[in-house]
């Protein structure tokens, strides 16, 4: 039920665009509880370099939590690499052996108090980054803006870079927060023109 998207579609050029606006691209697992369900997703995200998660790299992982009582907190440590992975695998094997010996399925009981639905990705809100290579002619950026606007997508930032092909231009658009279904509709309209 959880949307998962990896980093295979992220290019060096995308990282350079993020860098040019003072950001980095990180693969994040994002969870939030809303009145009508849980928003759960894993995908690349653009973070300002000032965000605590922006500096997490190498074999380190982090969990960043925002809460009413704690404001912001981050838990940071090694989570990848041969030794941390080996430690986690051995720990899991020990847990399985204990479960077999004691005839149980985990020492921690079920603490689920609510049956909270998981929202579909189309009903989640996000900001989006899109890189387009389109014909370099007068009014083309306005047309793209109209296509996005007709789908209820507001553009927060747009950048243009000259393409190696003199007839094309490369545009990067970052949207304001919008429902995924509206963004998907905008992309479908763009692809059909």
C-alpha atoms as a PDB file:
ATOM      1  CA  UNK A   1       0.000   0.000   0.000  1.00  0.00           C
ATOM      2  CA  UNK A   2       3.020   2.301   0.349  1.00  0.00           C
ATOM      3  CA  UNK A   3       4.304   4.208  -2.702  1.00  0.00           C
ATOM      4  CA  UNK A   4       8.000   3.424  -3.232  1.00  0.00           C
ATOM      5  CA  UNK A   5      10.161   5.178  -5.805  1.00  0.00           C
ATOM      6  CA  UNK A   6      13.926   4.767  -6.023  1.00  0.00           C
ATOM      7  CA  UNK A   7      16.709   7.017  -7.255  1.00  0.00           C
ATOM      8  CA  UNK A   8      17.240   5.461 -10.694  1.00  0.00           C
ATOM      9  CA  UNK A   9      15.604   8.415 -12.463  1.00  0.00           C
ATOM     10  CA  UNK A  10      17.752  11.010 -10.679  1.00  0.00           C
ATOM     11  CA  UNK A  11      20.594  12.262 -12.870  1.00  0.00           C
ATOM     12  CA  UNK A  12      23.734  14.245 -12.178  1.00  0.00           C
ATOM     13  CA  UNK A  13      21.991  17.170 -13.880  1.00  0.00           C
ATOM     14  CA  UNK A  14      19.125  16.990 -11.340  1.00  0.00           C
ATOM     15  CA  UNK A  15      21.681  17.107  -8.523  1.00  0.00           C
ATOM     16  CA  UNK A  16      23.319  20.144 -10.147  1.00  0.00           C
ATOM     17  CA  UNK A  17      19.964  21.950 -10.362  1.00  0.00           C
ATOM     18  CA  UNK A  18      19.296  21.180  -6.694  1.00  0.00           C
ATOM     19  CA  UNK A  19      22.766  22.482  -5.806  1.00  0.00           C
ATOM     20  CA  UNK A  20      22.115  25.708  -7.762  1.00  0.00           C
ATOM     21  CA  UNK A  21      19.177  26.542  -5.487  1.00  0.00           C
ATOM     22  CA  UNK A  22      20.975  25.577  -2.265  1.00  0.00           C
ATOM     23  CA  UNK A  23      19.451  22.120  -1.949  1.00  0.00           C
ATOM     24  CA  UNK A  24      20.334  18.419  -2.062  1.00  0.00           C
ATOM     25  CA  UNK A  25      18.377  15.363  -3.205  1.00  0.00           C
ATOM     26  CA  UNK A  26      17.833  12.619  -0.606  1.00  0.00           C
ATOM     27  CA  UNK A  27      15.860   9.381  -0.640  1.00  0.00           C
ATOM     28  CA  UNK A  28      13.300   9.752   2.153  1.00  0.00           C
ATOM     29  CA  UNK A  29      10.655   7.641   3.804  1.00  0.00           C
ATOM     30  CA  UNK A  30       7.926  10.105   4.813  1.00  0.00           C
ATOM     31  CA  UNK A  31       5.134   9.398   7.282  1.00  0.00           C
ATOM     32  CA  UNK A  32       2.450  11.770   8.530  1.00  0.00           C
ATOM     33  CA  UNK A  33      -0.895  11.253  10.186  1.00  0.00           C
ATOM     34  CA  UNK A  34      -3.802  13.287   8.905  1.00  0.00           C
ATOM     35  CA  UNK A  35      -7.468  13.334   9.910  1.00  0.00           C
ATOM     36  CA  UNK A  36      -8.451  11.050   7.014  1.00  0.00           C
ATOM     37  CA  UNK A  37      -5.544   8.594   7.131  1.00  0.00           C
ATOM     38  CA  UNK A  38      -1.817   7.975   7.069  1.00  0.00           C
ATOM     39  CA  UNK A  39       0.425   9.374   4.368  1.00  0.00           C
ATOM     40  CA  UNK A  40       3.238   6.862   3.807  1.00  0.00           C
ATOM     41  CA  UNK A  41       5.699   7.129   0.951  1.00  0.00           C
ATOM     42  CA  UNK A  42       9.319   6.597  -0.053  1.00  0.00           C
ATOM     43  CA  UNK A  43      10.821   8.732  -2.813  1.00  0.00           C
ATOM     44  CA  UNK A  44      13.615  11.178  -3.657  1.00  0.00           C
ATOM     45  CA  UNK A  45      13.051  14.637  -2.208  1.00  0.00           C
ATOM     46  CA  UNK A  46      14.737  18.001  -2.525  1.00  0.00           C
ATOM     47  CA  UNK A  47      15.875  19.364   0.848  1.00  0.00           C
ATOM     48  CA  UNK A  48      17.375  22.735   1.692  1.00  0.00           C
ATOM     49  CA  UNK A  49      21.010  22.352   2.748  1.00  0.00           C
ATOM     50  CA  UNK A  50      20.007  23.868   6.088  1.00  0.00           C
ATOM     51  CA  UNK A  51      17.691  20.912   6.881  1.00  0.00           C
ATOM     52  CA  UNK A  52      19.279  18.464   9.361  1.00  0.00           C
ATOM     53  CA  UNK A  53      18.691  15.488   7.018  1.00  0.00           C
ATOM     54  CA  UNK A  54      20.641  17.184   4.208  1.00  0.00           C
ATOM     55  CA  UNK A  55      23.974  16.388   5.863  1.00  0.00           C
ATOM     56  CA  UNK A  56      23.283  12.654   6.370  1.00  0.00           C
ATOM     57  CA  UNK A  57      25.511  10.665   4.015  1.00  0.00           C
ATOM     58  CA  UNK A  58      27.621   7.573   3.546  1.00  0.00           C
ATOM     59  CA  UNK A  59      26.762   4.683   5.837  1.00  0.00           C
ATOM     60  CA  UNK A  60      24.685   6.905   8.140  1.00  0.00           C
ATOM     61  CA  UNK A  61      20.902   6.938   8.394  1.00  0.00           C
ATOM     62  CA  UNK A  62      18.678   9.304  10.298  1.00  0.00           C
ATOM     63  CA  UNK A  63      15.111   9.628  11.495  1.00  0.00           C
ATOM     64  CA  UNK A  64      13.787  13.183  11.725  1.00  0.00           C
ATOM     65  CA  UNK A  65      10.673  13.588  13.872  1.00  0.00           C
ATOM     66  CA  UNK A  66       8.365  16.569  14.271  1.00  0.00           C
ATOM     67  CA  UNK A  67       5.876  16.424  17.119  1.00  0.00           C
ATOM     68  CA  UNK A  68       3.642  18.671  19.166  1.00  0.00           C
ATOM     69  CA  UNK A  69       5.493  18.016  22.416  1.00  0.00           C
ATOM     70  CA  UNK A  70       9.062  17.629  21.126  1.00  0.00           C
ATOM     71  CA  UNK A  71       9.089  20.103  18.224  1.00  0.00           C
ATOM     72  CA  UNK A  72      11.941  18.623  16.130  1.00  0.00           C
ATOM     73  CA  UNK A  73      14.303  15.750  16.972  1.00  0.00           C
ATOM     74  CA  UNK A  74      16.716  13.699  14.890  1.00  0.00           C
ATOM     75  CA  UNK A  75      18.101  10.232  15.611  1.00  0.00           C
ATOM     76  CA  UNK A  76      21.310   9.623  13.684  1.00  0.00           C
ATOM     77  CA  UNK A  77      23.746   6.730  13.381  1.00  0.00           C
ATOM     78  CA  UNK A  78      25.346   4.080  11.232  1.00  0.00           C
ATOM     79  CA  UNK A  79      22.783   2.030   9.380  1.00  0.00           C
ATOM     80  CA  UNK A  80      24.523   0.849   6.249  1.00  0.00           C
ATOM     81  CA  UNK A  81      27.818  -0.785   5.486  1.00  0.00           C
ATOM     82  CA  UNK A  82      29.094  -4.251   6.273  1.00  0.00           C
ATOM     83  CA  UNK A  83      29.371  -4.037  10.086  1.00  0.00           C
ATOM     84  CA  UNK A  84      26.026  -2.328  10.843  1.00  0.00           C
ATOM     85  CA  UNK A  85      24.255  -4.627   8.365  1.00  0.00           C
ATOM     86  CA  UNK A  86      25.913  -7.733   9.846  1.00  0.00           C
ATOM     87  CA  UNK A  87      24.929  -6.601  13.341  1.00  0.00           C
ATOM     88  CA  UNK A  88      21.294  -6.099  12.294  1.00  0.00           C
ATOM     89  CA  UNK A  89      21.142  -9.495  10.538  1.00  0.00           C
ATOM     90  CA  UNK A  90      22.642 -11.312  13.549  1.00  0.00           C
ATOM     91  CA  UNK A  91      20.214  -9.464  15.846  1.00  0.00           C
ATOM     92  CA  UNK A  92      17.289 -10.578  13.669  1.00  0.00           C
ATOM     93  CA  UNK A  93      18.529 -14.192  13.722  1.00  0.00           C
ATOM     94  CA  UNK A  94      18.791 -14.099  17.523  1.00  0.00           C
ATOM     95  CA  UNK A  95      15.221 -12.766  17.717  1.00  0.00           C
ATOM     96  CA  UNK A  96      13.977 -15.581  15.434  1.00  0.00           C
ATOM     97  CA  UNK A  97      15.770 -18.194  17.583  1.00  0.00           C
ATOM     98  CA  UNK A  98      14.228 -16.752  20.774  1.00  0.00           C
ATOM     99  CA  UNK A  99      10.797 -16.824  19.134  1.00  0.00           C
ATOM    100  CA  UNK A 100      11.266 -20.501  18.223  1.00  0.00           C
ATOM    101  CA  UNK A 101      12.490 -21.430  21.721  1.00  0.00           C
ATOM    102  CA  UNK A 102       9.643 -19.576  23.480  1.00  0.00           C
ATOM    103  CA  UNK A 103       6.972 -20.454  20.907  1.00  0.00           C
ATOM    104  CA  UNK A 104       5.961 -16.910  20.129  1.00  0.00           C
ATOM    105  CA  UNK A 105       5.939 -14.532  17.179  1.00  0.00           C
ATOM    106  CA  UNK A 106       7.877 -11.615  18.565  1.00  0.00           C
ATOM    107  CA  UNK A 107       8.382 -10.377  22.074  1.00  0.00           C
ATOM    108  CA  UNK A 108       6.647  -7.102  21.414  1.00  0.00           C
ATOM    109  CA  UNK A 109       2.879  -7.453  21.336  1.00  0.00           C
ATOM    110  CA  UNK A 110       0.444  -5.755  18.990  1.00  0.00           C
ATOM    111  CA  UNK A 111       0.011  -2.172  20.113  1.00  0.00           C
ATOM    112  CA  UNK A 112      -2.281  -1.126  17.294  1.00  0.00           C
ATOM    113  CA  UNK A 113      -5.070   0.888  18.872  1.00  0.00           C
ATOM    114  CA  UNK A 114      -6.558   2.358  15.727  1.00  0.00           C
ATOM    115  CA  UNK A 115      -7.342   1.037  12.299  1.00  0.00           C
ATOM    116  CA  UNK A 116      -6.064   3.985  10.280  1.00  0.00           C
ATOM    117  CA  UNK A 117      -6.392   3.800   6.488  1.00  0.00           C
ATOM    118  CA  UNK A 118      -3.381   4.482   4.292  1.00  0.00           C
ATOM    119  CA  UNK A 119      -4.102   7.244   1.817  1.00  0.00           C
ATOM    120  CA  UNK A 120      -3.477   6.566  -1.849  1.00  0.00           C
ATOM    121  CA  UNK A 121      -0.563   8.471  -3.351  1.00  0.00           C
ATOM    122  CA  UNK A 122      -2.958  10.408  -5.586  1.00  0.00           C
ATOM    123  CA  UNK A 123      -4.526  11.940  -2.460  1.00  0.00           C
ATOM    124  CA  UNK A 124      -1.237  13.075  -0.889  1.00  0.00           C
ATOM    125  CA  UNK A 125       0.127  16.573  -1.199  1.00  0.00           C
ATOM    126  CA  UNK A 126       3.710  17.350  -2.160  1.00  0.00           C
ATOM    127  CA  UNK A 127       5.845  19.850  -3.945  1.00  0.00           C
ATOM    128  CA  UNK A 128       7.161  18.532  -7.250  1.00  0.00           C
ATOM    129  CA  UNK A 129      10.302  18.981  -9.331  1.00  0.00           C
ATOM    130  CA  UNK A 130      10.082  18.435 -13.078  1.00  0.00           C
ATOM    131  CA  UNK A 131      12.749  18.918 -15.731  1.00  0.00           C
ATOM    132  CA  UNK A 132      11.511  19.503 -19.288  1.00  0.00           C
ATOM    133  CA  UNK A 133      13.299  19.770 -22.608  1.00  0.00           C
ATOM    134  CA  UNK A 134      10.957  21.722 -24.885  1.00  0.00           C
ATOM    135  CA  UNK A 135      11.054  23.833 -28.027  1.00  0.00           C
ATOM    136  CA  UNK A 136      12.721  27.193 -27.408  1.00  0.00           C
ATOM    137  CA  UNK A 137      10.212  29.608 -28.874  1.00  0.00           C
ATOM    138  CA  UNK A 138       8.354  32.680 -27.611  1.00  0.00           C
ATOM    139  CA  UNK A 139       5.477  31.880 -25.247  1.00  0.00           C
ATOM    140  CA  UNK A 140       6.354  28.237 -24.605  1.00  0.00           C
ATOM    141  CA  UNK A 141       6.938  28.727 -20.867  1.00  0.00           C
ATOM    142  CA  UNK A 142       3.590  30.538 -20.648  1.00  0.00           C
ATOM    143  CA  UNK A 143       1.900  27.581 -22.363  1.00  0.00           C
ATOM    144  CA  UNK A 144       3.476  25.177 -19.879  1.00  0.00           C
ATOM    145  CA  UNK A 145       2.328  27.443 -17.038  1.00  0.00           C
ATOM    146  CA  UNK A 146      -1.232  27.443 -18.417  1.00  0.00           C
ATOM    147  CA  UNK A 147      -1.252  23.627 -18.712  1.00  0.00           C
ATOM    148  CA  UNK A 148      -0.124  23.322 -15.113  1.00  0.00           C
ATOM    149  CA  UNK A 149      -2.574  25.993 -13.949  1.00  0.00           C
ATOM    150  CA  UNK A 150      -5.514  24.343 -15.725  1.00  0.00           C
ATOM    151  CA  UNK A 151      -4.812  21.244 -13.608  1.00  0.00           C
ATOM    152  CA  UNK A 152      -4.670  23.246 -10.379  1.00  0.00           C
ATOM    153  CA  UNK A 153      -0.873  23.166 -10.142  1.00  0.00           C
ATOM    154  CA  UNK A 154       0.847  26.381  -9.098  1.00  0.00           C
ATOM    155  CA  UNK A 155       4.480  26.954 -10.091  1.00  0.00           C
ATOM    156  CA  UNK A 156       6.710  28.172  -7.254  1.00  0.00           C
ATOM    157  CA  UNK A 157       9.939  28.432  -9.215  1.00  0.00           C
ATOM    158  CA  UNK A 158      11.082  28.042 -12.820  1.00  0.00           C
ATOM    159  CA  UNK A 159      14.613  27.960 -14.196  1.00  0.00           C
ATOM    160  CA  UNK A 160      15.819  27.809 -17.770  1.00  0.00           C
ATOM    161  CA  UNK A 161      19.109  26.468 -19.048  1.00  0.00           C
ATOM    162  CA  UNK A 162      20.189  26.610 -22.668  1.00  0.00           C
ATOM    163  CA  UNK A 163      20.270  23.223 -24.304  1.00  0.00           C
ATOM    164  CA  UNK A 164      23.111  21.946 -26.473  1.00  0.00           C
ATOM    165  CA  UNK A 165      20.522  21.869 -29.251  1.00  0.00           C
ATOM    166  CA  UNK A 166      19.770  25.507 -30.185  1.00  0.00           C
ATOM    167  CA  UNK A 167      16.131  24.674 -30.974  1.00  0.00           C
ATOM    168  CA  UNK A 168      15.391  23.345 -27.486  1.00  0.00           C
ATOM    169  CA  UNK A 169      15.533  24.745 -23.984  1.00  0.00           C
ATOM    170  CA  UNK A 170      15.661  22.966 -20.680  1.00  0.00           C
ATOM    171  CA  UNK A 171      13.244  24.096 -17.996  1.00  0.00           C
ATOM    172  CA  UNK A 172      13.123  23.069 -14.370  1.00  0.00           C
ATOM    173  CA  UNK A 173       9.872  23.708 -12.556  1.00  0.00           C
ATOM    174  CA  UNK A 174       9.262  23.387  -8.835  1.00  0.00           C
ATOM    175  CA  UNK A 175       5.621  23.501  -7.808  1.00  0.00           C
ATOM    176  CA  UNK A 176       3.845  24.669  -4.713  1.00  0.00           C
ATOM    177  CA  UNK A 177       2.297  21.904  -2.609  1.00  0.00           C
ATOM    178  CA  UNK A 178      -0.431  20.172  -4.606  1.00  0.00           C
ATOM    179  CA  UNK A 179      -2.316  16.879  -4.716  1.00  0.00           C
ATOM    180  CA  UNK A 180      -0.440  14.181  -6.628  1.00  0.00           C
ATOM    181  CA  UNK A 181      -3.512  13.568  -8.839  1.00  0.00           C
ATOM    182  CA  UNK A 182      -3.464  17.210  -9.976  1.00  0.00           C
ATOM    183  CA  UNK A 183       0.244  16.993 -10.774  1.00  0.00           C
ATOM    184  CA  UNK A 184      -0.276  13.723 -12.684  1.00  0.00           C
ATOM    185  CA  UNK A 185      -3.075  15.372 -14.668  1.00  0.00           C
ATOM    186  CA  UNK A 186      -0.768  18.288 -15.531  1.00  0.00           C
ATOM    187  CA  UNK A 187       1.945  15.908 -16.750  1.00  0.00           C
ATOM    188  CA  UNK A 188      -0.577  13.959 -18.840  1.00  0.00           C
ATOM    189  CA  UNK A 189      -1.775  17.200 -20.450  1.00  0.00           C
ATOM    190  CA  UNK A 190       1.814  18.245 -21.086  1.00  0.00           C
ATOM    191  CA  UNK A 191       2.688  14.887 -22.653  1.00  0.00           C
ATOM    192  CA  UNK A 192      -0.349  15.011 -24.929  1.00  0.00           C
ATOM    193  CA  UNK A 193       0.630  18.360 -26.479  1.00  0.00           C
END
